[in-house]
Amino acid sequence: MSAWLFTGIPDAAAKKSVSGASFRETLKQSQSNFIL
């Protein structure tokens, strides 16, 4: 993927997901940009 675009994600879900080891590793491996 060239970029990830996050919209409409609840705050609680965001905190939980970012703290997950598997998801964190996924983001690092993807080498994709993140759109703010």
PDB file of all heavy atoms in Angstrom:
ATOM      1  N   MET A   1       0.852  -1.185   0.000  1.00  0.00           N
ATOM      2  CA  MET A   1       0.000   0.000   0.000  1.00  0.00           C
ATOM      3  C   MET A   1       0.894   1.244   0.000  1.00  0.00           C
ATOM      4  O   MET A   1       1.954   1.252   0.614  1.00  0.00           O
ATOM      5  CB  MET A   1      -0.891   0.023   1.237  1.00  0.00           C
ATOM      6  CG  MET A   1      -1.641  -1.275   1.490  1.00  0.00           C
ATOM      7  SD  MET A   1      -2.567  -1.824   0.038  1.00  0.00           S
ATOM      8  CE  MET A   1      -3.726  -0.497  -0.118  1.00  0.00           C
ATOM      9  N   SER A   2       0.462   2.260  -0.677  1.00  0.00           N
ATOM     10  CA  SER A   2       1.223   3.510  -0.675  1.00  0.00           C
ATOM     11  C   SER A   2       0.893   4.357   0.545  1.00  0.00           C
ATOM     12  O   SER A   2       1.699   5.162   0.984  1.00  0.00           O
ATOM     13  CB  SER A   2       0.919   4.304  -1.936  1.00  0.00           C
ATOM     14  OG  SER A   2       1.399   3.617  -3.064  1.00  0.00           O
ATOM     15  N   ALA A   3      -0.322   4.192   1.084  1.00  0.00           N
ATOM     16  CA  ALA A   3      -0.711   5.003   2.242  1.00  0.00           C
ATOM     17  C   ALA A   3      -1.894   4.376   2.961  1.00  0.00           C
ATOM     18  O   ALA A   3      -2.680   3.644   2.368  1.00  0.00           O
ATOM     19  CB  ALA A   3      -1.053   6.426   1.808  1.00  0.00           C
ATOM     20  N   TRP A   4      -1.973   4.679   4.245  1.00  0.00           N
ATOM     21  CA  TRP A   4      -3.122   4.330   5.069  1.00  0.00           C
ATOM     22  C   TRP A   4      -3.881   5.617   5.367  1.00  0.00           C
ATOM     23  O   TRP A   4      -3.284   6.638   5.688  1.00  0.00           O
ATOM     24  CB  TRP A   4      -2.675   3.714   6.395  1.00  0.00           C
ATOM     25  CG  TRP A   4      -2.044   2.376   6.303  1.00  0.00           C
ATOM     26  CD1 TRP A   4      -0.821   2.080   5.767  1.00  0.00           C
ATOM     27  CD2 TRP A   4      -2.593   1.144   6.754  1.00  0.00           C
ATOM     28  NE1 TRP A   4      -0.566   0.746   5.866  1.00  0.00           N
ATOM     29  CE2 TRP A   4      -1.641   0.133   6.481  1.00  0.00           C
ATOM     30  CE3 TRP A   4      -3.783   0.781   7.382  1.00  0.00           C
ATOM     31  CZ2 TRP A   4      -1.852  -1.191   6.794  1.00  0.00           C
ATOM     32  CZ3 TRP A   4      -3.987  -0.542   7.709  1.00  0.00           C
ATOM     33  CH2 TRP A   4      -3.034  -1.518   7.408  1.00  0.00           C
ATOM     34  N   LEU A   5      -5.194   5.540   5.284  1.00  0.00           N
ATOM     35  CA  LEU A   5      -6.037   6.691   5.585  1.00  0.00           C
ATOM     36  C   LEU A   5      -7.025   6.274   6.662  1.00  0.00           C
ATOM     37  O   LEU A   5      -7.849   5.384   6.445  1.00  0.00           O
ATOM     38  CB  LEU A   5      -6.783   7.153   4.330  1.00  0.00           C
ATOM     39  CG  LEU A   5      -7.778   8.293   4.521  1.00  0.00           C
ATOM     40  CD1 LEU A   5      -7.033   9.584   4.805  1.00  0.00           C
ATOM     41  CD2 LEU A   5      -8.650   8.461   3.294  1.00  0.00           C
ATOM     42  N   PHE A   6      -6.947   6.917   7.832  1.00  0.00           N
ATOM     43  CA  PHE A   6      -7.827   6.571   8.947  1.00  0.00           C
ATOM     44  C   PHE A   6      -8.851   7.679   9.153  1.00  0.00           C
ATOM     45  O   PHE A   6      -8.498   8.825   9.404  1.00  0.00           O
ATOM     46  CB  PHE A   6      -7.017   6.400  10.237  1.00  0.00           C
ATOM     47  CG  PHE A   6      -5.958   5.345  10.148  1.00  0.00           C
ATOM     48  CD1 PHE A   6      -4.625   5.680  10.012  1.00  0.00           C
ATOM     49  CD2 PHE A   6      -6.303   4.010  10.202  1.00  0.00           C
ATOM     50  CE1 PHE A   6      -3.651   4.713   9.941  1.00  0.00           C
ATOM     51  CE2 PHE A   6      -5.329   3.023  10.125  1.00  0.00           C
ATOM     52  CZ  PHE A   6      -4.000   3.369   9.992  1.00  0.00           C
ATOM     53  N   THR A   7     -10.121   7.346   9.063  1.00  0.00           N
ATOM     54  CA  THR A   7     -11.180   8.313   9.361  1.00  0.00           C
ATOM     55  C   THR A   7     -12.284   7.596  10.119  1.00  0.00           C
ATOM     56  O   THR A   7     -12.601   6.450   9.843  1.00  0.00           O
ATOM     57  CB  THR A   7     -11.778   8.939   8.087  1.00  0.00           C
ATOM     58  OG1 THR A   7     -12.472   7.910   7.355  1.00  0.00           O
ATOM     59  CG2 THR A   7     -10.724   9.558   7.212  1.00  0.00           C
ATOM     60  N   GLY A   8     -12.887   8.298  11.073  1.00  0.00           N
ATOM     61  CA  GLY A   8     -14.024   7.736  11.781  1.00  0.00           C
ATOM     62  C   GLY A   8     -13.685   6.643  12.767  1.00  0.00           C
ATOM     63  O   GLY A   8     -14.563   5.895  13.191  1.00  0.00           O
ATOM     64  N   ILE A   9     -12.420   6.493  13.151  1.00  0.00           N
ATOM     65  CA  ILE A   9     -12.047   5.446  14.094  1.00  0.00           C
ATOM     66  C   ILE A   9     -12.245   5.965  15.519  1.00  0.00           C
ATOM     67  O   ILE A   9     -11.698   7.006  15.866  1.00  0.00           O
ATOM     68  CB  ILE A   9     -10.583   5.015  13.905  1.00  0.00           C
ATOM     69  CG1 ILE A   9     -10.332   4.641  12.445  1.00  0.00           C
ATOM     70  CG2 ILE A   9     -10.232   3.862  14.826  1.00  0.00           C
ATOM     71  CD1 ILE A   9     -11.104   3.447  11.971  1.00  0.00           C
ATOM     72  N   PRO A  10     -13.011   5.267  16.360  1.00  0.00           N
ATOM     73  CA  PRO A  10     -13.192   5.727  17.747  1.00  0.00           C
ATOM     74  C   PRO A  10     -11.863   5.824  18.477  1.00  0.00           C
ATOM     75  O   PRO A  10     -10.947   5.050  18.236  1.00  0.00           O
ATOM     76  CB  PRO A  10     -14.088   4.636  18.363  1.00  0.00           C
ATOM     77  CG  PRO A  10     -14.756   3.977  17.197  1.00  0.00           C
ATOM     78  CD  PRO A  10     -13.775   4.058  16.065  1.00  0.00           C
ATOM     79  N   ASP A  11     -11.781   6.787  19.398  1.00  0.00           N
ATOM     80  CA  ASP A  11     -10.543   7.018  20.138  1.00  0.00           C
ATOM     81  C   ASP A  11     -10.105   5.784  20.922  1.00  0.00           C
ATOM     82  O   ASP A  11      -8.926   5.436  20.944  1.00  0.00           O
ATOM     83  CB  ASP A  11     -10.751   8.188  21.109  1.00  0.00           C
ATOM     84  CG  ASP A  11      -9.708   9.270  20.891  1.00  0.00           C
ATOM     85  OD1 ASP A  11      -8.961   9.169  19.904  1.00  0.00           O
ATOM     86  OD2 ASP A  11      -9.649  10.203  21.708  1.00  0.00           O
ATOM     87  N   ALA A  12     -11.081   5.131  21.573  1.00  0.00           N
ATOM     88  CA  ALA A  12     -10.741   3.953  22.377  1.00  0.00           C
ATOM     89  C   ALA A  12     -10.147   2.853  21.499  1.00  0.00           C
ATOM     90  O   ALA A  12      -9.171   2.193  21.870  1.00  0.00           O
ATOM     91  CB  ALA A  12     -11.987   3.436  23.094  1.00  0.00           C
ATOM     92  N   ALA A  13     -10.730   2.661  20.312  1.00  0.00           N
ATOM     93  CA  ALA A  13     -10.218   1.646  19.392  1.00  0.00           C
ATOM     94  C   ALA A  13      -8.820   2.006  18.913  1.00  0.00           C
ATOM     95  O   ALA A  13      -7.959   1.142  18.754  1.00  0.00           O
ATOM     96  CB  ALA A  13     -11.156   1.510  18.200  1.00  0.00           C
ATOM     97  N   ALA A  14      -8.588   3.302  18.702  1.00  0.00           N
ATOM     98  CA  ALA A  14      -7.275   3.739  18.243  1.00  0.00           C
ATOM     99  C   ALA A  14      -6.204   3.430  19.279  1.00  0.00           C
ATOM    100  O   ALA A  14      -5.150   2.886  18.957  1.00  0.00           O
ATOM    101  CB  ALA A  14      -7.308   5.236  17.950  1.00  0.00           C
ATOM    102  N   LYS A  15      -6.484   3.762  20.530  1.00  0.00           N
ATOM    103  CA  LYS A  15      -5.501   3.515  21.592  1.00  0.00           C
ATOM    104  C   LYS A  15      -5.228   2.021  21.744  1.00  0.00           C
ATOM    105  O   LYS A  15      -4.097   1.592  21.922  1.00  0.00           O
ATOM    106  CB  LYS A  15      -6.015   4.100  22.902  1.00  0.00           C
ATOM    107  CG  LYS A  15      -6.062   5.624  22.914  1.00  0.00           C
ATOM    108  CD  LYS A  15      -6.601   6.149  24.221  1.00  0.00           C
ATOM    109  CE  LYS A  15      -6.671   7.677  24.195  1.00  0.00           C
ATOM    110  NZ  LYS A  15      -7.250   8.219  25.449  1.00  0.00           N
ATOM    111  N   LYS A  16      -6.302   1.213  21.690  1.00  0.00           N
ATOM    112  CA  LYS A  16      -6.154  -0.228  21.851  1.00  0.00           C
ATOM    113  C   LYS A  16      -5.343  -0.837  20.713  1.00  0.00           C
ATOM    114  O   LYS A  16      -4.472  -1.684  20.913  1.00  0.00           O
ATOM    115  CB  LYS A  16      -7.520  -0.883  21.933  1.00  0.00           C
ATOM    116  CG  LYS A  16      -7.473  -2.396  22.151  1.00  0.00           C
ATOM    117  CD  LYS A  16      -8.869  -2.954  22.271  1.00  0.00           C
ATOM    118  CE  LYS A  16      -8.826  -4.471  22.474  1.00  0.00           C
ATOM    119  NZ  LYS A  16     -10.180  -5.053  22.568  1.00  0.00           N
ATOM    120  N   SER A  17      -5.620  -0.370  19.505  1.00  0.00           N
ATOM    121  CA  SER A  17      -4.959  -0.944  18.340  1.00  0.00           C
ATOM    122  C   SER A  17      -3.491  -0.577  18.279  1.00  0.00           C
ATOM    123  O   SER A  17      -2.639  -1.411  17.982  1.00  0.00           O
ATOM    124  CB  SER A  17      -5.665  -0.476  17.067  1.00  0.00           C
ATOM    125  OG  SER A  17      -7.007  -0.892  17.063  1.00  0.00           O
ATOM    126  N   VAL A  18      -3.181   0.672  18.551  1.00  0.00           N
ATOM    127  CA  VAL A  18      -1.792   1.118  18.466  1.00  0.00           C
ATOM    128  C   VAL A  18      -0.934   0.418  19.510  1.00  0.00           C
ATOM    129  O   VAL A  18       0.257   0.212  19.319  1.00  0.00           O
ATOM    130  CB  VAL A  18      -1.718   2.654  18.631  1.00  0.00           C
ATOM    131  CG1 VAL A  18      -0.283   3.125  18.703  1.00  0.00           C
ATOM    132  CG2 VAL A  18      -2.422   3.334  17.463  1.00  0.00           C
ATOM    133  N   SER A  19      -1.553   0.031  20.619  1.00  0.00           N
ATOM    134  CA  SER A  19      -0.791  -0.649  21.665  1.00  0.00           C
ATOM    135  C   SER A  19      -0.611  -2.137  21.371  1.00  0.00           C
ATOM    136  O   SER A  19       0.172  -2.804  22.044  1.00  0.00           O
ATOM    137  CB  SER A  19      -1.496  -0.477  23.018  1.00  0.00           C
ATOM    138  OG  SER A  19      -2.787  -1.074  22.969  1.00  0.00           O
ATOM    139  N   GLY A  20      -1.334  -2.669  20.373  1.00  0.00           N
ATOM    140  CA  GLY A  20      -1.202  -4.083  20.042  1.00  0.00           C
ATOM    141  C   GLY A  20       0.093  -4.372  19.300  1.00  0.00           C
ATOM    142  O   GLY A  20       0.429  -3.718  18.310  1.00  0.00           O
ATOM    143  N   ALA A  21       0.850  -5.383  19.790  1.00  0.00           N
ATOM    144  CA  ALA A  21       2.161  -5.682  19.213  1.00  0.00           C
ATOM    145  C   ALA A  21       2.051  -6.094  17.747  1.00  0.00           C
ATOM    146  O   ALA A  21       2.861  -5.686  16.905  1.00  0.00           O
ATOM    147  CB  ALA A  21       2.843  -6.782  20.026  1.00  0.00           C
ATOM    148  N   SER A  22       1.042  -6.887  17.416  1.00  0.00           N
ATOM    149  CA  SER A  22       0.901  -7.376  16.047  1.00  0.00           C
ATOM    150  C   SER A  22       0.602  -6.232  15.079  1.00  0.00           C
ATOM    151  O   SER A  22       1.183  -6.147  13.993  1.00  0.00           O
ATOM    152  CB  SER A  22      -0.220  -8.421  15.976  1.00  0.00           C
ATOM    153  OG  SER A  22      -0.395  -8.869  14.652  1.00  0.00           O
ATOM    154  N   PHE A  23      -0.283  -5.349  15.502  1.00  0.00           N
ATOM    155  CA  PHE A  23      -0.648  -4.232  14.629  1.00  0.00           C
ATOM    156  C   PHE A  23       0.527  -3.271  14.467  1.00  0.00           C
ATOM    157  O   PHE A  23       0.773  -2.737  13.384  1.00  0.00           O
ATOM    158  CB  PHE A  23      -1.859  -3.504  15.214  1.00  0.00           C
ATOM    159  CG  PHE A  23      -2.403  -2.423  14.316  1.00  0.00           C
ATOM    160  CD1 PHE A  23      -2.999  -2.741  13.109  1.00  0.00           C
ATOM    161  CD2 PHE A  23      -2.322  -1.089  14.679  1.00  0.00           C
ATOM    162  CE1 PHE A  23      -3.496  -1.760  12.282  1.00  0.00           C
ATOM    163  CE2 PHE A  23      -2.818  -0.103  13.864  1.00  0.00           C
ATOM    164  CZ  PHE A  23      -3.417  -0.442  12.651  1.00  0.00           C
ATOM    165  N   ARG A  24       1.258  -3.046  15.540  1.00  0.00           N
ATOM    166  CA  ARG A  24       2.422  -2.159  15.476  1.00  0.00           C
ATOM    167  C   ARG A  24       3.454  -2.722  14.496  1.00  0.00           C
ATOM    168  O   ARG A  24       4.031  -1.988  13.692  1.00  0.00           O
ATOM    169  CB  ARG A  24       3.054  -2.009  16.864  1.00  0.00           C
ATOM    170  CG  ARG A  24       2.184  -1.273  17.864  1.00  0.00           C
ATOM    171  CD  ARG A  24       2.632  -1.546  19.288  1.00  0.00           C
ATOM    172  NE  ARG A  24       3.874  -0.862  19.593  1.00  0.00           N
ATOM    173  CZ  ARG A  24       3.945   0.280  20.279  1.00  0.00           C
ATOM    174  NH1 ARG A  24       2.850   0.855  20.693  1.00  0.00           N
ATOM    175  NH2 ARG A  24       5.102   0.829  20.531  1.00  0.00           N
ATOM    176  N   GLU A  25       3.664  -4.027  14.557  1.00  0.00           N
ATOM    177  CA  GLU A  25       4.614  -4.651  13.655  1.00  0.00           C
ATOM    178  C   GLU A  25       4.130  -4.569  12.214  1.00  0.00           C
ATOM    179  O   GLU A  25       4.921  -4.365  11.279  1.00  0.00           O
ATOM    180  CB  GLU A  25       4.824  -6.111  14.058  1.00  0.00           C
ATOM    181  CG  GLU A  25       5.939  -6.806  13.299  1.00  0.00           C
ATOM    182  CD  GLU A  25       7.290  -6.157  13.535  1.00  0.00           C
ATOM    183  OE1 GLU A  25       7.495  -5.570  14.630  1.00  0.00           O
ATOM    184  OE2 GLU A  25       8.149  -6.226  12.643  1.00  0.00           O
ATOM    185  N   THR A  26       2.807  -4.704  12.031  1.00  0.00           N
ATOM    186  CA  THR A  26       2.218  -4.597  10.700  1.00  0.00           C
ATOM    187  C   THR A  26       2.487  -3.230  10.087  1.00  0.00           C
ATOM    188  O   THR A  26       2.883  -3.113   8.927  1.00  0.00           O
ATOM    189  CB  THR A  26       0.696  -4.831  10.770  1.00  0.00           C
ATOM    190  OG1 THR A  26       0.455  -6.186  11.126  1.00  0.00           O
ATOM    191  CG2 THR A  26       0.039  -4.547   9.433  1.00  0.00           C
ATOM    192  N   LEU A  27       2.279  -2.179  10.876  1.00  0.00           N
ATOM    193  CA  LEU A  27       2.489  -0.821  10.375  1.00  0.00           C
ATOM    194  C   LEU A  27       3.948  -0.583  10.012  1.00  0.00           C
ATOM    195  O   LEU A  27       4.252   0.069   9.002  1.00  0.00           O
ATOM    196  CB  LEU A  27       2.034   0.194  11.418  1.00  0.00           C
ATOM    197  CG  LEU A  27       0.544   0.199  11.765  1.00  0.00           C
ATOM    198  CD1 LEU A  27       0.249   1.252  12.816  1.00  0.00           C
ATOM    199  CD2 LEU A  27      -0.308   0.441  10.536  1.00  0.00           C
ATOM    200  N   LYS A  28       4.852  -1.111  10.825  1.00  0.00           N
ATOM    201  CA  LYS A  28       6.271  -0.912  10.547  1.00  0.00           C
ATOM    202  C   LYS A  28       6.687  -1.650   9.273  1.00  0.00           C
ATOM    203  O   LYS A  28       7.472  -1.151   8.471  1.00  0.00           O
ATOM    204  CB  LYS A  28       7.099  -1.393  11.739  1.00  0.00           C
ATOM    205  CG  LYS A  28       7.005  -0.477  12.954  1.00  0.00           C
ATOM    206  CD  LYS A  28       7.917  -0.959  14.067  1.00  0.00           C
ATOM    207  CE  LYS A  28       7.864  -0.024  15.256  1.00  0.00           C
ATOM    208  NZ  LYS A  28       8.751  -0.462  16.354  1.00  0.00           N
ATOM    209  N   GLN A  29       6.143  -2.871   9.081  1.00  0.00           N
ATOM    210  CA  GLN A  29       6.521  -3.669   7.918  1.00  0.00           C
ATOM    211  C   GLN A  29       5.952  -3.109   6.618  1.00  0.00           C
ATOM    212  O   GLN A  29       6.550  -3.273   5.556  1.00  0.00           O
ATOM    213  CB  GLN A  29       6.049  -5.119   8.095  1.00  0.00           C
ATOM    214  CG  GLN A  29       6.836  -5.910   9.119  1.00  0.00           C
ATOM    215  CD  GLN A  29       6.378  -7.349   9.188  1.00  0.00           C
ATOM    216  OE1 GLN A  29       5.568  -7.789   8.371  1.00  0.00           O
ATOM    217  NE2 GLN A  29       6.882  -8.076  10.165  1.00  0.00           N
ATOM    218  N   SER A  30       4.797  -2.447   6.700  1.00  0.00           N
ATOM    219  CA  SER A  30       4.130  -2.021   5.466  1.00  0.00           C
ATOM    220  C   SER A  30       4.893  -0.941   4.721  1.00  0.00           C
ATOM    221  O   SER A  30       4.731  -0.773   3.515  1.00  0.00           O
ATOM    222  CB  SER A  30       2.725  -1.499   5.785  1.00  0.00           C
ATOM    223  OG  SER A  30       2.807  -0.281   6.505  1.00  0.00           O
ATOM    224  N   GLN A  31       5.731  -0.162   5.431  1.00  0.00           N
ATOM    225  CA  GLN A  31       6.511   0.926   4.813  1.00  0.00           C
ATOM    226  C   GLN A  31       5.619   1.926   4.083  1.00  0.00           C
ATOM    227  O   GLN A  31       6.025   2.556   3.121  1.00  0.00           O
ATOM    228  CB  GLN A  31       7.560   0.355   3.849  1.00  0.00           C
ATOM    229  CG  GLN A  31       8.628  -0.483   4.522  1.00  0.00           C
ATOM    230  CD  GLN A  31       9.390   0.301   5.570  1.00  0.00           C
ATOM    231  OE1 GLN A  31       9.836   1.420   5.313  1.00  0.00           O
ATOM    232  NE2 GLN A  31       9.541  -0.272   6.747  1.00  0.00           N
ATOM    233  N   SER A  32       4.377   2.036   4.521  1.00  0.00           N
ATOM    234  CA  SER A  32       3.428   2.935   3.863  1.00  0.00           C
ATOM    235  C   SER A  32       3.352   4.267   4.602  1.00  0.00           C
ATOM    236  O   SER A  32       3.699   4.374   5.780  1.00  0.00           O
ATOM    237  CB  SER A  32       2.036   2.297   3.827  1.00  0.00           C
ATOM    238  OG  SER A  32       2.063   1.071   3.162  1.00  0.00           O
ATOM    239  N   ASN A  33       2.885   5.278   3.886  1.00  0.00           N
ATOM    240  CA  ASN A  33       2.646   6.576   4.506  1.00  0.00           C
ATOM    241  C   ASN A  33       1.336   6.545   5.293  1.00  0.00           C
ATOM    242  O   ASN A  33       0.487   5.683   5.080  1.00  0.00           O
ATOM    243  CB  ASN A  33       2.565   7.667   3.440  1.00  0.00           C
ATOM    244  CG  ASN A  33       3.894   7.897   2.766  1.00  0.00           C
ATOM    245  OD1 ASN A  33       4.880   8.208   3.406  1.00  0.00           O
ATOM    246  ND2 ASN A  33       3.927   7.735   1.457  1.00  0.00           N
ATOM    247  N   PHE A  34       1.173   7.533   6.185  1.00  0.00           N
ATOM    248  CA  PHE A  34      -0.059   7.676   6.949  1.00  0.00           C
ATOM    249  C   PHE A  34      -0.606   9.075   6.705  1.00  0.00           C
ATOM    250  O   PHE A  34       0.120  10.056   6.800  1.00  0.00           O
ATOM    251  CB  PHE A  34       0.195   7.464   8.445  1.00  0.00           C
ATOM    252  CG  PHE A  34       0.792   6.136   8.750  1.00  0.00           C
ATOM    253  CD1 PHE A  34       2.164   5.987   8.851  1.00  0.00           C
ATOM    254  CD2 PHE A  34      -0.008   5.027   8.898  1.00  0.00           C
ATOM    255  CE1 PHE A  34       2.722   4.755   9.108  1.00  0.00           C
ATOM    256  CE2 PHE A  34       0.542   3.788   9.159  1.00  0.00           C
ATOM    257  CZ  PHE A  34       1.908   3.645   9.260  1.00  0.00           C
ATOM    258  N   ILE A  35      -1.873   9.140   6.385  1.00  0.00           N
ATOM    259  CA  ILE A  35      -2.482  10.423   6.044  1.00  0.00           C
ATOM    260  C   ILE A  35      -3.144  11.018   7.271  1.00  0.00           C
ATOM    261  O   ILE A  35      -4.010  10.387   7.884  1.00  0.00           O
ATOM    262  CB  ILE A  35      -3.525  10.258   4.926  1.00  0.00           C
ATOM    263  CG1 ILE A  35      -2.934   9.462   3.762  1.00  0.00           C
ATOM    264  CG2 ILE A  35      -4.032  11.619   4.469  1.00  0.00           C
ATOM    265  CD1 ILE A  35      -1.665  10.032   3.192  1.00  0.00           C
ATOM    266  N   LEU A  36      -2.730  12.211   7.645  1.00  0.00           N
ATOM    267  CA  LEU A  36      -3.344  12.947   8.747  1.00  0.00           C
ATOM    268  C   LEU A  36      -4.318  13.958   8.153  1.00  0.00           C
ATOM    269  O   LEU A  36      -3.914  14.998   7.627  1.00  0.00           O
ATOM    270  CB  LEU A  36      -2.280  13.655   9.578  1.00  0.00           C
ATOM    271  CG  LEU A  36      -2.796  14.643  10.633  1.00  0.00           C
ATOM    272  CD1 LEU A  36      -3.651  13.913  11.657  1.00  0.00           C
ATOM    273  CD2 LEU A  36      -1.646  15.345  11.325  1.00  0.00           C
TER     274      LEU A  36
END
